[in-house]
Amino acid sequence: MTLIIYILTPEETKTRIENENAILIDIRDVRELWREGTIENCKHIPRGMLEFWVDPESPYSKNEIPVDKNLILFCAQGMRSALATRSLKEMGFPKVSHVRGGFGALKEKGFKVVEVKKK
């Protein structure tokens, strides 16, 4: 089975969020968020918990992400999010893509960064 992984530029990401109501998901570790902040209005699902949180059959399921929703993942530079995108595609999420260049590219292109405080 061949999976197509869509890689978006920050500009394409912005368009999908505005026009398609896509959900932007930061999959970086919480310590990265504390250190660098995150993109305003995105969801945070740590990479290590992603499959558990989105799988409705998992005891750890958060039931926050509908399978048919347009999802855009990002990490620091795009490597982890590429692998996570593939994983979600394999789990049956048809509308998942990731951002080329990750958080750094989004920040560079003017996405608003907000502080994340330790809890």
Protein backbone atom coordinates (compact mmCIF):
# COMPACT_ATOMS: atom_id res chain seq x y z
CA MET A 1 0.00 0.00 0.00
CA THR A 2 1.40 3.36 -1.02
CA LEU A 3 0.74 6.27 1.30
CA ILE A 4 0.93 9.82 0.04
CA ILE A 5 2.36 12.21 2.63
CA TYR A 6 1.46 15.83 1.99
CA ILE A 7 4.12 18.34 2.96
CA LEU A 8 2.88 21.90 3.35
CA THR A 9 4.71 25.20 3.32
CA PRO A 10 3.85 27.66 6.09
CA GLU A 11 1.83 29.63 3.52
CA GLU A 12 -0.19 26.55 2.53
CA THR A 13 -0.67 25.80 6.21
CA LYS A 14 -2.12 29.25 6.82
CA THR A 15 -4.50 28.87 3.86
CA ARG A 16 -5.76 25.48 5.08
CA ILE A 17 -6.34 26.79 8.58
CA GLU A 18 -8.26 29.81 7.29
CA ASN A 19 -10.21 28.16 4.46
CA GLU A 20 -10.61 24.55 5.54
CA ASN A 21 -10.76 24.93 9.33
CA ALA A 22 -7.73 22.63 9.64
CA ILE A 23 -6.40 21.77 13.09
CA LEU A 24 -2.73 22.61 13.66
CA ILE A 25 -1.07 20.14 16.05
CA ASP A 26 2.29 20.65 17.77
CA ILE A 27 3.81 17.23 18.45
CA ARG A 28 6.98 18.47 20.15
CA ASP A 29 7.88 17.47 23.69
CA VAL A 30 6.41 19.72 26.37
CA ARG A 31 9.93 20.82 27.38
CA GLU A 32 10.41 22.23 23.88
CA LEU A 33 7.20 24.21 24.30
CA TRP A 34 8.35 25.56 27.67
CA ARG A 35 11.64 26.64 26.12
CA GLU A 36 10.46 28.04 22.79
CA GLY A 37 6.70 28.55 23.00
CA THR A 38 4.20 27.26 20.48
CA ILE A 39 2.00 28.55 17.69
CA GLU A 40 -1.11 30.39 18.85
CA ASN A 41 -4.35 28.34 18.77
CA CYS A 42 -2.70 25.02 17.95
CA LYS A 43 -3.33 21.81 19.86
CA HIS A 44 -0.49 20.03 21.64
CA ILE A 45 -0.25 16.26 21.42
CA PRO A 46 3.23 14.98 22.32
CA ARG A 47 4.72 12.68 19.68
CA GLY A 48 5.07 9.85 22.18
CA MET A 49 1.33 9.91 22.94
CA LEU A 50 -0.10 10.79 19.52
CA GLU A 51 -1.34 7.36 18.44
CA PHE A 52 -2.71 6.61 21.92
CA TRP A 53 -4.60 9.91 22.21
CA VAL A 54 -6.22 9.77 18.76
CA ASP A 55 -7.17 6.08 18.78
CA PRO A 56 -10.76 5.77 20.07
CA GLU A 57 -10.01 2.17 21.16
CA SER A 58 -7.07 3.21 23.33
CA PRO A 59 -7.54 3.55 27.10
CA TYR A 60 -5.60 6.83 26.76
CA SER A 61 -7.87 8.23 24.02
CA LYS A 62 -8.70 11.91 24.35
CA ASN A 63 -11.46 11.75 21.68
CA GLU A 64 -10.53 15.28 20.56
CA ILE A 65 -9.53 14.63 16.96
CA PRO A 66 -12.19 13.39 14.51
CA VAL A 67 -10.83 11.03 11.83
CA ASP A 68 -12.34 13.09 9.00
CA LYS A 69 -10.86 16.43 10.17
CA ASN A 70 -8.06 18.15 8.23
CA LEU A 71 -4.99 17.80 10.49
CA ILE A 72 -1.63 19.55 10.09
CA LEU A 73 1.22 18.31 12.26
CA PHE A 74 4.47 20.08 13.07
CA CYS A 75 7.54 19.44 15.17
CA ALA A 76 10.79 21.41 15.44
CA GLN A 77 12.05 20.90 11.88
CA GLY A 78 9.70 18.47 10.17
CA MET A 79 11.28 15.07 10.76
CA ARG A 80 9.11 13.78 13.62
CA SER A 81 5.98 15.22 12.06
CA ALA A 82 6.69 13.41 8.77
CA LEU A 83 6.83 10.08 10.59
CA ALA A 84 3.77 10.96 12.70
CA THR A 85 1.85 11.90 9.55
CA ARG A 86 2.62 8.50 8.07
CA SER A 87 1.51 6.79 11.27
CA LEU A 88 -1.84 8.61 11.34
CA LYS A 89 -2.40 7.84 7.65
CA GLU A 90 -1.84 4.16 8.45
CA MET A 91 -4.38 4.47 11.28
CA GLY A 92 -7.01 5.71 8.81
CA PHE A 93 -6.74 9.50 9.05
CA PRO A 94 -7.09 10.53 5.39
CA LYS A 95 -6.60 14.30 5.76
CA VAL A 96 -3.32 14.57 7.63
CA SER A 97 -0.26 16.49 6.45
CA HIS A 98 2.77 18.13 8.00
CA VAL A 99 4.70 21.40 7.77
CA ARG A 100 8.03 21.51 5.94
CA GLY A 101 10.53 23.12 8.30
CA GLY A 102 8.28 22.71 11.34
CA PHE A 103 8.06 25.24 14.15
CA GLY A 104 11.09 27.17 12.91
CA ALA A 105 9.53 27.74 9.49
CA LEU A 106 6.15 28.72 10.94
CA LYS A 107 7.82 31.19 13.30
CA GLU A 108 9.96 32.62 10.50
CA LYS A 109 6.87 33.17 8.33
CA GLY A 110 5.09 35.18 11.00
CA PHE A 111 2.87 32.70 12.80
CA LYS A 112 2.25 34.09 16.27
CA VAL A 113 4.26 32.32 18.97
CA VAL A 114 2.83 32.16 22.48
CA GLU A 115 4.54 31.27 25.73
CA VAL A 116 3.82 27.94 27.39
CA LYS A 117 4.24 27.96 31.16
CA LYS A 118 5.18 24.96 33.23
CA LYS A 119 2.23 23.51 35.14
